[in-house]
């Protein structure tokens, strides 16, 4: 199962991997949720001119490659050496990949711009450029929130297919996504998902104006809403339930595939996984150039060599970069291709997506709301949300000035 939370945009999902794995991800958007732990060190680079991207606390994202490393401070930032996971996590069967081992960074409670903060920022940026992924330690409070969120996701995915299918919204992409409904590069994924976006009231001006991807979150119950809200808030500041072993979604699935190779849309993806294991990434490479906002990176080198298996380490989050981080840094930091393989046990994971404002746009450049909407239309072509968006002609609203100006007030018409 998988739960995803997005900042900056209205989105958060949970998903389950049928047959042999399950994952959960959390998604949130930068305009509405504070940035997670690793965000502050990365607010030290230059943004292309006039790109109004809102991040945590309405600050602008500044990402700039350092010209030279800072002087060594008296107090070193806290990191621990790579440590192999406890016995248990194994690579999914049928996959061949390097077995990755990551150092764990420990983010201080406050980022003040001290010499040790700057050194930590340089170390994190270097790790992203080398590995495409970093690992950060959870605080005791975060461990408890993760345990509560995982328990809530297991309860949801244990519900009957009918109960889960009722948790769908036709205006937002929030809610339940069945196994086989998500499509990557034209092939069905095995995962079940519950997406959590920003929860808009039906009388909100953006919803009444028919803005694409804006609507309510169809929560199954109050308890899940509260638990996921706490987990989402913490990270912002820093099937049919269980499926027996099988490989069948909608007939287009692929042996052993949980989620196909892809890059994510926004700035950062902060993930936590249980002890099963299934995540694979590709390290940054000068030979592999892609720009998902121009041409789809779905299915990128999915069956080729060069993948690294990232075994789960208890008490940590992994962080990878998304398309907009690559765009804003002009390829200095690149989006990390990743995929999920089906293991011999059900796998649960959470992914939190920290993203620009839906209205953010660079002059003659990428409009994030359009990029976001395109990705969801492509991944969920048969979903009721996609069909309604197209049938009502709401995609054309993305050209309106108020959807391309941060903070602009929606224009509500008598009918949409």
Protein backbone atom coordinates (compact mmCIF):
# COMPACT_ATOMS: atom_id res chain seq x y z
CA UNK A 1 0.00 0.00 0.00
CA UNK A 2 1.16 3.52 -0.58
CA UNK A 3 0.16 6.88 0.87
CA UNK A 4 1.40 10.05 -0.80
CA UNK A 5 1.18 13.66 0.41
CA UNK A 6 1.94 16.75 -1.70
CA UNK A 7 2.77 20.29 -0.60
CA UNK A 8 1.97 23.28 -2.81
CA UNK A 9 -0.76 21.28 -4.55
CA UNK A 10 -3.89 19.65 -3.27
CA UNK A 11 -2.75 16.04 -3.18
CA UNK A 12 -1.92 13.06 -0.98
CA UNK A 13 -2.27 9.39 -1.83
CA UNK A 14 -2.10 5.93 -0.35
CA UNK A 15 -1.47 2.87 -2.42
CA UNK A 16 -1.21 -0.87 -2.09
CA UNK A 17 0.83 -3.24 -4.18
CA UNK A 18 -1.26 -6.35 -4.81
CA UNK A 19 0.28 -9.74 -5.31
CA UNK A 20 3.47 -9.42 -3.30
CA UNK A 21 3.85 -5.86 -2.11
CA UNK A 22 2.07 -2.83 -0.76
CA UNK A 23 3.14 0.77 -0.43
CA UNK A 24 1.84 4.01 1.02
CA UNK A 25 2.83 7.56 0.05
CA UNK A 26 2.11 11.03 1.32
CA UNK A 27 2.02 14.05 -0.97
CA UNK A 28 1.88 17.74 -0.07
CA UNK A 29 2.53 21.10 -1.73
CA UNK A 30 4.99 23.80 -0.81
CA UNK A 31 2.39 26.55 -0.84
CA UNK A 32 0.42 24.96 1.98
CA UNK A 33 2.81 22.83 4.05
CA UNK A 34 6.13 23.77 5.58
CA UNK A 35 9.16 22.13 4.02
CA UNK A 36 10.55 18.97 5.64
CA UNK A 37 13.90 18.58 7.35
CA UNK A 38 16.22 18.56 4.34
CA UNK A 39 14.56 21.55 2.69
CA UNK A 40 16.33 24.35 4.60
CA UNK A 41 19.88 23.34 3.63
CA UNK A 42 18.76 23.32 0.01
CA UNK A 43 17.49 26.90 0.12
CA UNK A 44 20.89 28.20 -0.96
CA UNK A 45 20.78 28.34 -4.78
CA UNK A 46 19.64 30.71 -7.46
CA UNK A 47 16.31 30.44 -9.17
CA UNK A 48 15.92 31.35 -12.85
CA UNK A 49 14.74 34.97 -13.20
CA UNK A 50 11.10 35.75 -12.36
CA UNK A 51 10.16 32.20 -11.36
CA UNK A 52 7.65 32.78 -8.57
CA UNK A 53 7.74 29.42 -6.80
CA UNK A 54 6.33 29.38 -3.30
CA UNK A 55 7.90 27.00 -0.84
CA UNK A 56 7.43 26.53 2.88
CA UNK A 57 6.36 29.67 4.74
CA UNK A 58 5.94 31.41 1.37
CA UNK A 59 9.69 31.69 0.87
CA UNK A 60 11.22 31.39 -2.56
CA UNK A 61 13.22 28.34 -3.42
CA UNK A 62 16.83 29.29 -4.01
CA UNK A 63 19.12 26.56 -5.25
CA UNK A 64 22.60 27.39 -6.37
CA UNK A 65 25.65 25.17 -6.87
CA UNK A 66 28.40 26.21 -4.45
CA UNK A 67 31.49 27.69 -6.05
CA UNK A 68 33.72 26.39 -3.28
CA UNK A 69 33.13 24.44 -0.07
CA UNK A 70 32.85 26.45 3.15
CA UNK A 71 35.52 26.46 5.78
CA UNK A 72 35.47 23.53 8.15
CA UNK A 73 33.47 24.57 11.23
CA UNK A 74 34.48 23.63 14.74
CA UNK A 75 31.28 21.64 15.14
CA UNK A 76 30.69 19.05 12.44
CA UNK A 77 27.15 18.30 11.23
CA UNK A 78 25.82 15.03 12.48
CA UNK A 79 25.94 12.07 10.12
CA UNK A 80 26.39 8.38 10.68
CA UNK A 81 28.26 5.92 8.54
CA UNK A 82 26.30 3.66 6.20
CA UNK A 83 24.93 0.70 8.08
CA UNK A 84 23.42 -2.39 6.50
CA UNK A 85 19.76 -3.00 7.30
CA UNK A 86 18.71 -5.59 9.80
CA UNK A 87 18.30 -9.10 8.42
CA UNK A 88 14.96 -9.33 6.68
CA UNK A 89 14.79 -6.85 3.79
CA UNK A 90 15.61 -8.57 0.54
CA UNK A 91 15.63 -7.54 -3.08
CA UNK A 92 12.43 -8.54 -4.90
CA UNK A 93 12.83 -11.80 -6.83
CA UNK A 94 13.72 -11.54 -10.50
CA UNK A 95 15.62 -8.24 -10.14
CA UNK A 96 19.34 -7.71 -10.59
CA UNK A 97 20.79 -4.52 -9.14
CA UNK A 98 23.57 -3.12 -7.02
CA UNK A 99 22.79 -3.25 -3.30
CA UNK A 100 22.85 0.37 -2.11
CA UNK A 101 24.12 1.61 1.25
CA UNK A 102 23.51 5.23 2.26
CA UNK A 103 24.90 7.43 5.03
CA UNK A 104 22.24 8.83 7.35
CA UNK A 105 22.06 12.60 7.75
CA UNK A 106 20.64 14.08 10.94
CA UNK A 107 18.90 17.42 10.42
CA UNK A 108 19.21 19.85 13.37
CA UNK A 109 15.98 21.16 14.94
CA UNK A 110 16.73 24.68 13.66
CA UNK A 111 18.58 25.87 10.56
CA UNK A 112 20.34 29.18 11.30
CA UNK A 113 22.92 29.47 8.53
CA UNK A 114 25.77 28.55 10.85
CA UNK A 115 29.02 27.11 9.43
CA UNK A 116 27.89 23.61 10.40
CA UNK A 117 24.54 24.19 8.64
CA UNK A 118 26.36 25.29 5.49
CA UNK A 119 28.64 22.28 5.60
CA UNK A 120 25.64 19.99 6.02
CA UNK A 121 23.97 21.67 3.02
CA UNK A 122 27.06 21.05 0.87
CA UNK A 123 27.23 17.43 2.03
CA UNK A 124 23.57 16.86 1.17
CA UNK A 125 23.90 18.48 -2.27
CA UNK A 126 27.02 16.39 -2.95
CA UNK A 127 25.16 13.24 -1.92
CA UNK A 128 22.27 14.08 -4.25
CA UNK A 129 24.67 14.65 -7.15
CA UNK A 130 26.49 11.39 -6.41
CA UNK A 131 23.68 9.01 -5.40
CA UNK A 132 20.44 10.70 -6.47
CA UNK A 133 19.02 9.96 -3.01
CA UNK A 134 19.76 10.74 0.64
CA UNK A 135 18.71 9.20 3.93
CA UNK A 136 17.75 11.25 7.00
CA UNK A 137 17.11 10.03 10.52
CA UNK A 138 13.65 10.31 12.04
CA UNK A 139 13.14 11.97 15.40
CA UNK A 140 11.33 9.93 18.10
CA UNK A 141 8.22 12.02 17.41
CA UNK A 142 8.41 11.27 13.68
CA UNK A 143 8.80 7.55 14.40
CA UNK A 144 5.54 7.60 16.36
CA UNK A 145 3.72 9.52 13.63
CA UNK A 146 5.02 7.04 11.04
CA UNK A 147 3.81 4.09 13.15
CA UNK A 148 0.36 5.67 13.54
CA UNK A 149 0.11 6.48 9.83
CA UNK A 150 1.19 2.99 8.82
CA UNK A 151 -1.41 1.45 11.13
CA UNK A 152 -4.11 3.69 9.61
CA UNK A 153 -3.10 2.73 6.07
CA UNK A 154 -3.21 -0.98 6.91
CA UNK A 155 -6.71 -0.55 8.31
CA UNK A 156 -7.85 1.23 5.14
CA UNK A 157 -6.41 -1.31 2.72
CA UNK A 158 -7.96 -4.15 4.71
CA UNK A 159 -11.42 -2.81 3.83
CA UNK A 160 -13.57 -4.47 1.19
CA UNK A 161 -13.17 -3.45 -2.47
CA UNK A 162 -16.59 -1.79 -2.31
CA UNK A 163 -15.67 0.33 0.72
CA UNK A 164 -12.41 1.47 -0.85
CA UNK A 165 -13.99 2.18 -4.24
CA UNK A 166 -16.44 4.56 -2.52
CA UNK A 167 -13.50 6.83 -1.58
CA UNK A 168 -13.19 8.61 -4.95
CA UNK A 169 -13.68 12.26 -5.89
CA UNK A 170 -14.55 13.41 -9.41
CA UNK A 171 -12.95 16.87 -9.11
CA UNK A 172 -9.61 16.12 -7.45
CA UNK A 173 -7.34 13.12 -7.90
CA UNK A 174 -7.61 12.45 -4.17
CA UNK A 175 -8.86 9.14 -2.85
CA UNK A 176 -8.59 5.48 -3.71
CA UNK A 177 -6.85 4.22 -6.85
CA UNK A 178 -7.38 0.54 -7.58
CA UNK A 179 -4.73 -1.93 -8.65
CA UNK A 180 -4.26 -1.59 -12.40
CA UNK A 181 -5.76 1.91 -12.55
CA UNK A 182 -2.41 3.71 -12.41
CA UNK A 183 -0.56 3.50 -15.72
CA UNK A 184 3.17 4.11 -16.25
CA UNK A 185 4.40 4.23 -19.84
CA UNK A 186 1.19 2.56 -21.02
CA UNK A 187 1.52 -0.41 -18.65
CA UNK A 188 -0.65 -0.96 -15.57
CA UNK A 189 1.00 -0.80 -12.14
CA UNK A 190 0.12 -3.33 -9.46
CA UNK A 191 -0.10 -0.82 -6.62
CA UNK A 192 -3.22 0.24 -4.78
CA UNK A 193 -3.09 3.90 -3.83
CA UNK A 194 -4.85 6.39 -1.60
CA UNK A 195 -3.99 9.93 -2.67
CA UNK A 196 -4.30 12.80 -0.21
CA UNK A 197 -4.30 16.30 -1.65
CA UNK A 198 -5.13 19.60 -0.05
CA UNK A 199 -8.72 19.18 1.11
CA UNK A 200 -10.85 21.95 -0.43
CA UNK A 201 -14.42 22.63 0.69
CA UNK A 202 -16.94 22.43 -2.13
CA UNK A 203 -17.75 26.12 -1.67
CA UNK A 204 -14.09 27.14 -2.05
CA UNK A 205 -13.69 29.63 -4.91
CA UNK A 206 -11.14 27.43 -6.69
CA UNK A 207 -13.51 24.46 -6.63
CA UNK A 208 -16.51 26.57 -7.69
CA UNK A 209 -14.42 28.01 -10.54
CA UNK A 210 -13.71 24.48 -11.76
CA UNK A 211 -9.92 24.58 -11.39
CA UNK A 212 -8.42 21.24 -12.50
CA UNK A 213 -7.27 18.91 -9.70
CA UNK A 214 -8.99 20.96 -6.95
CA UNK A 215 -11.63 19.31 -4.78
CA UNK A 216 -12.26 17.39 -1.61
CA UNK A 217 -10.44 14.40 -0.14
CA UNK A 218 -12.91 11.50 0.17
CA UNK A 219 -11.71 10.31 3.58
CA UNK A 220 -12.96 6.89 4.69
CA UNK A 221 -13.26 8.12 8.30
CA UNK A 222 -12.29 10.92 10.67
CA UNK A 223 -9.51 8.89 12.29
CA UNK A 224 -7.58 8.45 9.04
CA UNK A 225 -7.99 12.14 8.23
CA UNK A 226 -6.55 13.15 11.60
CA UNK A 227 -3.66 10.65 11.57
CA UNK A 228 -2.61 11.49 8.02
CA UNK A 229 -3.00 15.19 8.70
CA UNK A 230 -0.53 14.96 11.59
CA UNK A 231 1.96 12.99 9.50
CA UNK A 232 1.60 15.36 6.55
CA UNK A 233 2.01 18.39 8.79
CA UNK A 234 5.18 16.99 10.36
CA UNK A 235 6.81 16.25 7.02
CA UNK A 236 5.71 19.63 5.74
CA UNK A 237 7.75 21.16 8.50
CA UNK A 238 10.71 19.04 7.81
CA UNK A 239 -5.47 -4.25 -1.31
CA UNK A 240 -8.73 -4.94 -1.03
CA UNK A 241 -6.19 -4.55 1.72
CA UNK A 242 -4.11 -7.72 1.61
CA UNK A 243 -3.58 -9.43 -1.74
CA UNK A 244 -2.59 -13.08 -2.07
CA UNK A 245 0.50 -13.68 -4.26
CA UNK A 246 -0.57 -13.07 -7.84
CA UNK A 247 0.37 -10.99 -10.84
CA UNK A 248 -2.81 -9.66 -12.39
CA UNK A 249 -4.21 -6.15 -12.69
CA UNK A 250 -6.13 -5.18 -15.80
CA UNK A 251 -4.37 -7.57 -18.16
CA UNK A 252 -1.65 -5.09 -19.12
CA UNK A 253 0.58 -5.67 -16.10
CA UNK A 254 4.18 -6.74 -16.13
CA UNK A 255 5.70 -9.63 -14.17
CA UNK A 256 7.15 -8.43 -10.87
CA UNK A 257 6.34 -4.76 -11.46
CA UNK A 258 4.90 -2.77 -8.56
CA UNK A 259 5.32 0.75 -9.94
CA UNK A 260 7.07 1.39 -13.25
CA UNK A 261 10.16 3.52 -13.76
CA UNK A 262 9.44 7.25 -13.55
CA UNK A 263 10.49 10.58 -12.10
CA UNK A 264 8.23 12.58 -9.78
CA UNK A 265 6.78 15.96 -10.65
CA UNK A 266 7.71 18.36 -7.88
CA UNK A 267 10.71 19.39 -5.77
CA UNK A 268 11.38 16.71 -3.13
CA UNK A 269 9.91 13.30 -2.33
CA UNK A 270 10.36 12.19 1.31
CA UNK A 271 9.56 8.52 1.80
CA UNK A 272 9.35 5.96 4.57
CA UNK A 273 9.03 2.23 3.91
CA UNK A 274 8.46 -0.82 6.04
CA UNK A 275 10.97 -3.67 6.36
CA UNK A 276 10.06 -5.52 3.15
CA UNK A 277 12.01 -3.63 0.50
CA UNK A 278 11.25 -2.89 -3.15
CA UNK A 279 12.63 0.56 -4.05
CA UNK A 280 15.16 0.93 -6.89
CA UNK A 281 16.80 4.17 -8.10
CA UNK A 282 19.20 5.25 -10.83
CA UNK A 283 22.16 7.41 -9.90
CA UNK A 284 22.72 10.73 -11.71
CA UNK A 285 24.62 10.28 -14.96
CA UNK A 286 25.88 12.66 -17.63
CA UNK A 287 24.96 10.02 -20.20
CA UNK A 288 21.29 9.93 -19.15
CA UNK A 289 19.57 13.23 -19.89
CA UNK A 290 15.82 13.67 -19.59
CA UNK A 291 13.30 16.46 -18.92
CA UNK A 292 9.95 15.02 -17.85
CA UNK A 293 8.18 18.36 -18.32
CA UNK A 294 9.06 18.24 -22.04
CA UNK A 295 9.02 14.51 -22.81
CA UNK A 296 7.73 11.71 -20.62
CA UNK A 297 10.33 9.90 -18.54
CA UNK A 298 7.86 7.10 -17.75
CA UNK A 299 9.40 3.67 -18.32
CA UNK A 300 12.88 5.22 -18.48
CA UNK A 301 15.44 2.37 -18.84
CA UNK A 302 13.15 0.18 -16.74
CA UNK A 303 14.59 -3.11 -18.00
CA UNK A 304 18.20 -1.98 -18.45
CA UNK A 305 21.19 -2.36 -16.13
CA UNK A 306 22.25 0.40 -13.75
CA UNK A 307 19.57 0.22 -11.05
CA UNK A 308 20.43 0.37 -7.34
CA UNK A 309 18.28 -1.41 -4.74
CA UNK A 310 17.66 0.78 -1.66
CA UNK A 311 17.05 -1.53 1.31
CA UNK A 312 14.87 -0.10 4.07
CA UNK A 313 16.61 1.14 7.22
CA UNK A 314 14.44 1.42 10.32
CA UNK A 315 13.87 4.93 11.64
CA UNK A 316 14.84 6.82 8.48
CA UNK A 317 13.29 8.75 5.61
CA UNK A 318 14.72 8.63 2.11
CA UNK A 319 14.64 11.80 0.00
CA UNK A 320 14.84 11.99 -3.79
CA UNK A 321 14.56 14.93 -6.17
CA UNK A 322 11.74 15.71 -8.59
CA UNK A 323 11.35 17.36 -11.98
CA UNK A 324 11.00 20.92 -10.68
CA UNK A 325 14.21 20.73 -8.64
CA UNK A 326 15.99 19.74 -11.84
CA UNK A 327 14.27 22.56 -13.74
CA UNK A 328 15.01 25.23 -11.14
CA UNK A 329 18.67 24.27 -10.78
CA UNK A 330 19.10 23.95 -14.56
CA UNK A 331 20.17 20.30 -14.30
CA UNK A 332 22.70 20.86 -11.50
CA UNK A 333 20.48 18.60 -9.38
CA UNK A 334 18.53 16.07 -11.44
CA UNK A 335 15.27 14.23 -10.86
CA UNK A 336 15.87 10.67 -9.68
CA UNK A 337 14.37 7.85 -11.80
CA UNK A 338 12.94 5.18 -9.51
CA UNK A 339 10.67 2.14 -9.57
CA UNK A 340 9.20 -0.43 -7.18
CA UNK A 341 9.41 -4.19 -7.53
CA UNK A 342 6.99 -6.72 -6.06
CA UNK A 343 8.46 -8.70 -3.19
CA UNK A 344 7.38 -11.98 -1.61
CA UNK A 345 5.54 -10.07 1.15
CA UNK A 346 3.10 -7.17 1.07
CA UNK A 347 4.96 -3.85 1.27
CA UNK A 348 3.77 -0.58 2.81
CA UNK A 349 5.40 2.80 2.15
CA UNK A 350 4.65 6.51 2.52
CA UNK A 351 5.82 9.18 0.08
CA UNK A 352 5.47 12.91 0.77
CA UNK A 353 5.76 15.22 -2.26
CA UNK A 354 6.94 18.79 -1.63
CA UNK A 355 5.94 20.88 -4.63
CA UNK A 356 5.63 24.40 -6.05
CA UNK A 357 2.37 26.32 -6.02
CA UNK A 358 -0.17 25.12 -8.59
CA UNK A 359 -0.14 28.70 -9.97
CA UNK A 360 3.67 28.99 -10.26
CA UNK A 361 4.98 29.82 -13.73
CA UNK A 362 8.27 31.09 -15.14
CA UNK A 363 8.00 33.63 -17.95
CA UNK A 364 7.81 31.58 -21.15
CA UNK A 365 8.62 28.51 -19.07
CA UNK A 366 6.91 25.72 -17.15
CA UNK A 367 3.52 26.33 -15.54
CA UNK A 368 3.42 23.88 -12.64
CA UNK A 369 -0.36 23.47 -12.63
CA UNK A 370 -0.29 22.38 -16.27
CA UNK A 371 2.64 20.01 -15.68
CA UNK A 372 0.87 18.51 -12.66
CA UNK A 373 -2.44 18.11 -14.49
CA UNK A 374 -0.76 16.52 -17.51
CA UNK A 375 0.98 13.95 -15.31
CA UNK A 376 -2.26 12.88 -13.67
CA UNK A 377 -4.21 12.72 -16.91
CA UNK A 378 -1.45 10.53 -18.36
CA UNK A 379 -1.24 8.24 -15.31
CA UNK A 380 -5.02 7.89 -14.78
CA UNK A 381 -6.63 8.00 -18.23
CA UNK A 382 -9.73 6.03 -17.14
CA UNK A 383 -10.34 7.72 -13.80
CA UNK A 384 -13.62 9.57 -13.35
CA UNK A 385 -11.66 12.73 -12.51
CA UNK A 386 -9.88 12.68 -15.88
CA UNK A 387 -13.08 11.99 -17.80
CA UNK A 388 -14.97 14.80 -16.07
CA UNK A 389 -12.08 17.24 -16.54
CA UNK A 390 -12.03 16.54 -20.28
CA UNK A 391 -15.81 16.35 -20.79
CA UNK A 392 -16.38 19.71 -19.07
CA UNK A 393 -13.52 21.36 -20.93
CA UNK A 394 -11.84 22.46 -17.70
CA UNK A 395 -8.34 21.82 -19.03
CA UNK A 396 -8.55 25.08 -20.98
CA UNK A 397 -8.92 26.97 -17.69
CA UNK A 398 -5.20 26.40 -17.16
CA UNK A 399 -4.56 29.20 -19.67
CA UNK A 400 -6.33 31.79 -17.54
CA UNK A 401 -4.10 34.44 -15.89
CA UNK A 402 -5.47 33.75 -12.40
CA UNK A 403 -4.25 30.15 -12.62
CA UNK A 404 -0.78 31.39 -13.56
CA UNK A 405 -0.34 34.09 -10.92
CA UNK A 406 0.42 33.05 -7.34
CA UNK A 407 -2.23 34.36 -4.97
CA UNK A 408 -4.63 35.45 -7.71
CA UNK A 409 -8.33 35.18 -6.84
CA UNK A 410 -10.34 32.63 -8.87
CA UNK A 411 -13.03 33.93 -11.19
CA UNK A 412 -16.27 32.17 -10.34
CA UNK A 413 -18.85 31.93 -13.11
CA UNK A 414 -22.48 30.95 -12.92
CA UNK A 415 -21.71 27.51 -14.36
CA UNK A 416 -18.58 25.58 -15.28
